Amino acid sequence: MTAQTVSTRNYLAPVAVAMVAIAAVDQAVKQFMLSWLEPGETVYVLGEWLKFRLLFNPGAAFSMGTNVTWLFTAIQLAFVIGALIYAPRITSRFEALGVGLIAGGALGNLCDRLFREPGFWFGHVVDYISVRSFAVFNIADASISVGVVVLLIAIFVAELGQKQ
């Protein structure tokens, strides 16, 4: 494959597939946790190191911004749409993976904000993974975090390649 072929590849489909797959897995696991756990209940998996604890988060990471749920909903919706618009401009698999992971996590949490209590646009995100004394989070949150790291590495590697 030549450099020309790589730069003209359209990554819209891989980004969209990753986004939908991550959101689907996130929503399926959330449904399982909702059927298995009671709110606030803790199930110890690896002692204090890893446990499941069902919480409903109206805010962002670390429950920040609990009074501006509408803003997080708008940001997530904008990112999902923006990722699909930006995807044809992506030039590497790793950049596509990073964007797909972030957008998938955003879509997973966006589904909660749109379709869960207390109501449309203001729904609370289902969180259930607790690692030590760190914040309680979900698969969508983990996907966003991993996606940011992958995207930053892809950008850094691309910059290094352009300077050589």
C-alpha atoms as a PDB file:
ATOM      1  CA  MET A   1       0.000   0.000   0.000  1.00  0.00           C
ATOM      2  CA  THR A   2       1.426   3.366  -0.994  1.00  0.00           C
ATOM      3  CA  ALA A   3       1.330   6.578   1.034  1.00  0.00           C
ATOM      4  CA  GLN A   4      -1.253   7.917  -1.421  1.00  0.00           C
ATOM      5  CA  THR A   5      -3.547   4.928  -0.758  1.00  0.00           C
ATOM      6  CA  VAL A   6      -3.257   5.354   3.015  1.00  0.00           C
ATOM      7  CA  SER A   7      -4.058   9.071   2.928  1.00  0.00           C
ATOM      8  CA  THR A   8      -7.153   8.620   0.727  1.00  0.00           C
ATOM      9  CA  ARG A   9      -8.740   5.839   2.786  1.00  0.00           C
ATOM     10  CA  ASN A  10     -12.111   6.794   4.210  1.00  0.00           C
ATOM     11  CA  TYR A  11     -12.417   5.876   7.895  1.00  0.00           C
ATOM     12  CA  LEU A  12     -16.104   6.766   8.255  1.00  0.00           C
ATOM     13  CA  ALA A  13     -17.284   3.138   8.323  1.00  0.00           C
ATOM     14  CA  PRO A  14     -14.707   1.900  10.874  1.00  0.00           C
ATOM     15  CA  VAL A  15     -15.388   4.874  13.158  1.00  0.00           C
ATOM     16  CA  ALA A  16     -19.157   4.373  12.879  1.00  0.00           C
ATOM     17  CA  VAL A  17     -18.885   0.609  13.495  1.00  0.00           C
ATOM     18  CA  ALA A  18     -16.618   1.110  16.521  1.00  0.00           C
ATOM     19  CA  MET A  19     -18.921   3.811  17.852  1.00  0.00           C
ATOM     20  CA  VAL A  20     -22.081   1.696  17.560  1.00  0.00           C
ATOM     21  CA  ALA A  21     -20.385  -1.477  18.852  1.00  0.00           C
ATOM     22  CA  ILE A  22     -19.009   0.245  21.953  1.00  0.00           C
ATOM     23  CA  ALA A  23     -22.322   1.947  22.694  1.00  0.00           C
ATOM     24  CA  ALA A  24     -24.180  -1.367  22.257  1.00  0.00           C
ATOM     25  CA  VAL A  25     -21.843  -3.252  24.604  1.00  0.00           C
ATOM     26  CA  ASP A  26     -22.011  -0.374  27.098  1.00  0.00           C
ATOM     27  CA  GLN A  27     -25.823  -0.365  27.070  1.00  0.00           C
ATOM     28  CA  ALA A  28     -26.043  -4.177  27.327  1.00  0.00           C
ATOM     29  CA  VAL A  29     -23.735  -4.273  30.353  1.00  0.00           C
ATOM     30  CA  LYS A  30     -25.627  -1.390  31.964  1.00  0.00           C
ATOM     31  CA  GLN A  31     -28.900  -3.304  31.509  1.00  0.00           C
ATOM     32  CA  PHE A  32     -27.307  -6.368  33.105  1.00  0.00           C
ATOM     33  CA  MET A  33     -26.038  -4.325  36.052  1.00  0.00           C
ATOM     34  CA  LEU A  34     -29.464  -2.709  36.489  1.00  0.00           C
ATOM     35  CA  SER A  35     -31.082  -6.155  36.656  1.00  0.00           C
ATOM     36  CA  TRP A  36     -28.396  -7.567  38.969  1.00  0.00           C
ATOM     37  CA  LEU A  37     -27.627  -4.785  41.453  1.00  0.00           C
ATOM     38  CA  GLU A  38     -29.679  -2.483  43.622  1.00  0.00           C
ATOM     39  CA  PRO A  39     -28.683   1.222  43.687  1.00  0.00           C
ATOM     40  CA  GLY A  40     -25.775   1.739  46.072  1.00  0.00           C
ATOM     41  CA  GLU A  41     -25.246  -2.027  46.494  1.00  0.00           C
ATOM     42  CA  THR A  42     -21.608  -3.158  46.392  1.00  0.00           C
ATOM     43  CA  VAL A  43     -20.394  -6.518  45.080  1.00  0.00           C
ATOM     44  CA  TYR A  44     -16.730  -7.207  45.813  1.00  0.00           C
ATOM     45  CA  VAL A  45     -14.913  -8.827  42.885  1.00  0.00           C
ATOM     46  CA  LEU A  46     -11.256  -8.491  43.935  1.00  0.00           C
ATOM     47  CA  GLY A  47     -11.590  -7.269  47.509  1.00  0.00           C
ATOM     48  CA  GLU A  48     -11.371  -3.496  47.846  1.00  0.00           C
ATOM     49  CA  TRP A  49      -9.398  -3.257  44.594  1.00  0.00           C
ATOM     50  CA  LEU A  50     -12.307  -3.983  42.208  1.00  0.00           C
ATOM     51  CA  LYS A  51     -15.985  -3.929  42.995  1.00  0.00           C
ATOM     52  CA  PHE A  52     -19.303  -3.273  41.292  1.00  0.00           C
ATOM     53  CA  ARG A  53     -21.441  -0.517  42.769  1.00  0.00           C
ATOM     54  CA  LEU A  54     -24.549   0.764  40.995  1.00  0.00           C
ATOM     55  CA  LEU A  55     -24.852   4.554  40.898  1.00  0.00           C
ATOM     56  CA  PHE A  56     -26.745   7.065  38.774  1.00  0.00           C
ATOM     57  CA  ASN A  57     -24.607  10.059  37.785  1.00  0.00           C
ATOM     58  CA  PRO A  58     -26.247  13.299  36.588  1.00  0.00           C
ATOM     59  CA  GLY A  59     -22.836  14.945  36.085  1.00  0.00           C
ATOM     60  CA  ALA A  60     -19.542  14.240  34.386  1.00  0.00           C
ATOM     61  CA  ALA A  61     -16.447  12.437  35.662  1.00  0.00           C
ATOM     62  CA  PHE A  62     -16.161  12.409  39.450  1.00  0.00           C
ATOM     63  CA  SER A  63     -19.808  13.618  39.563  1.00  0.00           C
ATOM     64  CA  MET A  64     -18.745  17.142  38.626  1.00  0.00           C
ATOM     65  CA  GLY A  65     -21.366  19.434  37.130  1.00  0.00           C
ATOM     66  CA  THR A  66     -24.420  17.665  38.512  1.00  0.00           C
ATOM     67  CA  ASN A  67     -26.547  20.766  37.827  1.00  0.00           C
ATOM     68  CA  VAL A  68     -25.659  21.013  34.138  1.00  0.00           C
ATOM     69  CA  THR A  69     -26.714  17.597  32.825  1.00  0.00           C
ATOM     70  CA  TRP A  70     -28.203  19.313  29.761  1.00  0.00           C
ATOM     71  CA  LEU A  71     -24.758  20.685  28.864  1.00  0.00           C
ATOM     72  CA  PHE A  72     -23.098  17.246  28.979  1.00  0.00           C
ATOM     73  CA  THR A  73     -25.911  15.888  26.813  1.00  0.00           C
ATOM     74  CA  ALA A  74     -25.326  18.622  24.233  1.00  0.00           C
ATOM     75  CA  ILE A  75     -21.542  18.094  24.276  1.00  0.00           C
ATOM     76  CA  GLN A  76     -21.899  14.324  23.807  1.00  0.00           C
ATOM     77  CA  LEU A  77     -24.375  14.770  20.957  1.00  0.00           C
ATOM     78  CA  ALA A  78     -22.077  17.325  19.293  1.00  0.00           C
ATOM     79  CA  PHE A  79     -19.076  14.993  19.635  1.00  0.00           C
ATOM     80  CA  VAL A  80     -20.918  12.007  18.140  1.00  0.00           C
ATOM     81  CA  ILE A  81     -22.054  14.081  15.149  1.00  0.00           C
ATOM     82  CA  GLY A  82     -18.663  15.778  14.874  1.00  0.00           C
ATOM     83  CA  ALA A  83     -16.843  12.427  14.886  1.00  0.00           C
ATOM     84  CA  LEU A  84     -18.924  11.231  11.948  1.00  0.00           C
ATOM     85  CA  ILE A  85     -18.294  14.467  10.040  1.00  0.00           C
ATOM     86  CA  TYR A  86     -14.557  14.368  10.828  1.00  0.00           C
ATOM     87  CA  ALA A  87     -14.075  10.626  10.114  1.00  0.00           C
ATOM     88  CA  PRO A  88     -13.541  10.982   6.322  1.00  0.00           C
ATOM     89  CA  ARG A  89     -10.601  13.324   7.058  1.00  0.00           C
ATOM     90  CA  ILE A  90      -8.836  10.822   9.334  1.00  0.00           C
ATOM     91  CA  THR A  91      -5.531   9.621   7.922  1.00  0.00           C
ATOM     92  CA  SER A  92      -4.532   6.678  10.144  1.00  0.00           C
ATOM     93  CA  ARG A  93      -6.015   3.565  11.712  1.00  0.00           C
ATOM     94  CA  PHE A  94      -4.942   4.629  15.173  1.00  0.00           C
ATOM     95  CA  GLU A  95      -6.536   8.042  14.811  1.00  0.00           C
ATOM     96  CA  ALA A  96      -9.728   6.289  13.629  1.00  0.00           C
ATOM     97  CA  LEU A  97      -9.555   3.920  16.595  1.00  0.00           C
ATOM     98  CA  GLY A  98      -9.133   6.797  19.043  1.00  0.00           C
ATOM     99  CA  VAL A  99     -12.018   8.779  17.564  1.00  0.00           C
ATOM    100  CA  GLY A 100     -14.190   5.642  17.409  1.00  0.00           C
ATOM    101  CA  LEU A 101     -13.505   4.794  21.062  1.00  0.00           C
ATOM    102  CA  ILE A 102     -14.272   8.329  22.226  1.00  0.00           C
ATOM    103  CA  ALA A 103     -17.397   8.609  20.084  1.00  0.00           C
ATOM    104  CA  GLY A 104     -18.598   5.156  21.185  1.00  0.00           C
ATOM    105  CA  GLY A 105     -18.245   6.114  24.819  1.00  0.00           C
ATOM    106  CA  ALA A 106     -19.979   9.424  24.176  1.00  0.00           C
ATOM    107  CA  LEU A 107     -22.830   7.624  22.399  1.00  0.00           C
ATOM    108  CA  GLY A 108     -23.192   5.083  25.221  1.00  0.00           C
ATOM    109  CA  ASN A 109     -23.525   7.809  27.837  1.00  0.00           C
ATOM    110  CA  LEU A 110     -25.670   9.923  25.495  1.00  0.00           C
ATOM    111  CA  CYS A 111     -28.192   7.069  25.337  1.00  0.00           C
ATOM    112  CA  ASP A 112     -28.446   7.224  29.138  1.00  0.00           C
ATOM    113  CA  ARG A 113     -28.914  10.990  29.093  1.00  0.00           C
ATOM    114  CA  LEU A 114     -31.648  10.755  26.468  1.00  0.00           C
ATOM    115  CA  PHE A 115     -33.580   7.690  27.637  1.00  0.00           C
ATOM    116  CA  ARG A 116     -33.081   7.180  31.383  1.00  0.00           C
ATOM    117  CA  GLU A 117     -34.661   8.799  34.410  1.00  0.00           C
ATOM    118  CA  PRO A 118     -35.316  11.524  35.323  1.00  0.00           C
ATOM    119  CA  GLY A 119     -36.222  12.190  31.681  1.00  0.00           C
ATOM    120  CA  PHE A 120     -35.239  13.007  28.111  1.00  0.00           C
ATOM    121  CA  TRP A 121     -32.062  15.128  27.795  1.00  0.00           C
ATOM    122  CA  PHE A 122     -31.565  15.082  31.595  1.00  0.00           C
ATOM    123  CA  GLY A 123     -31.114  11.351  32.211  1.00  0.00           C
ATOM    124  CA  HIS A 124     -28.535  10.080  34.659  1.00  0.00           C
ATOM    125  CA  VAL A 125     -25.648   7.891  33.469  1.00  0.00           C
ATOM    126  CA  VAL A 126     -25.463   4.374  34.910  1.00  0.00           C
ATOM    127  CA  ASP A 127     -22.078   3.805  36.591  1.00  0.00           C
ATOM    128  CA  TYR A 128     -21.004   0.521  38.191  1.00  0.00           C
ATOM    129  CA  ILE A 129     -17.213  -0.131  38.043  1.00  0.00           C
ATOM    130  CA  SER A 130     -15.286   0.895  41.140  1.00  0.00           C
ATOM    131  CA  VAL A 131     -11.506   0.536  41.319  1.00  0.00           C
ATOM    132  CA  ARG A 132     -10.100   1.172  44.816  1.00  0.00           C
ATOM    133  CA  SER A 133     -11.106   4.668  45.927  1.00  0.00           C
ATOM    134  CA  PHE A 134     -11.261   5.989  42.355  1.00  0.00           C
ATOM    135  CA  ALA A 135     -14.509   7.294  40.855  1.00  0.00           C
ATOM    136  CA  VAL A 136     -17.268   4.874  39.883  1.00  0.00           C
ATOM    137  CA  PHE A 137     -17.470   4.613  36.085  1.00  0.00           C
ATOM    138  CA  ASN A 138     -18.736   2.437  33.205  1.00  0.00           C
ATOM    139  CA  ILE A 139     -17.548   0.929  29.916  1.00  0.00           C
ATOM    140  CA  ALA A 140     -18.386   4.137  28.021  1.00  0.00           C
ATOM    141  CA  ASP A 141     -16.210   6.179  30.378  1.00  0.00           C
ATOM    142  CA  ALA A 142     -13.348   3.693  30.050  1.00  0.00           C
ATOM    143  CA  SER A 143     -13.700   3.780  26.265  1.00  0.00           C
ATOM    144  CA  ILE A 144     -13.472   7.576  26.254  1.00  0.00           C
ATOM    145  CA  SER A 145     -10.346   7.499  28.442  1.00  0.00           C
ATOM    146  CA  VAL A 146      -8.595   4.837  26.344  1.00  0.00           C
ATOM    147  CA  GLY A 147      -9.677   6.610  23.149  1.00  0.00           C
ATOM    148  CA  VAL A 148      -8.133   9.893  24.282  1.00  0.00           C
ATOM    149  CA  VAL A 149      -4.817   8.147  24.974  1.00  0.00           C
ATOM    150  CA  VAL A 150      -4.874   6.332  21.605  1.00  0.00           C
ATOM    151  CA  LEU A 151      -5.773   9.550  19.757  1.00  0.00           C
ATOM    152  CA  LEU A 152      -3.017  11.543  21.475  1.00  0.00           C
ATOM    153  CA  ILE A 153      -0.448   8.865  20.621  1.00  0.00           C
ATOM    154  CA  ALA A 154      -1.677   8.806  16.994  1.00  0.00           C
ATOM    155  CA  ILE A 155      -1.367  12.590  16.744  1.00  0.00           C
ATOM    156  CA  PHE A 156       2.081  12.540  18.361  1.00  0.00           C
ATOM    157  CA  VAL A 157       3.328   9.782  16.028  1.00  0.00           C
ATOM    158  CA  ALA A 158       1.918  11.613  12.981  1.00  0.00           C
ATOM    159  CA  GLU A 159       3.693  14.806  14.054  1.00  0.00           C
ATOM    160  CA  LEU A 160       6.969  12.948  14.491  1.00  0.00           C
ATOM    161  CA  GLY A 161       6.543  11.413  11.036  1.00  0.00           C
ATOM    162  CA  GLN A 162       5.958  14.815   9.440  1.00  0.00           C
ATOM    163  CA  LYS A 163       9.096  16.271  11.015  1.00  0.00           C
ATOM    164  CA  GLN A 164      11.316  13.565   9.556  1.00  0.00           C
END
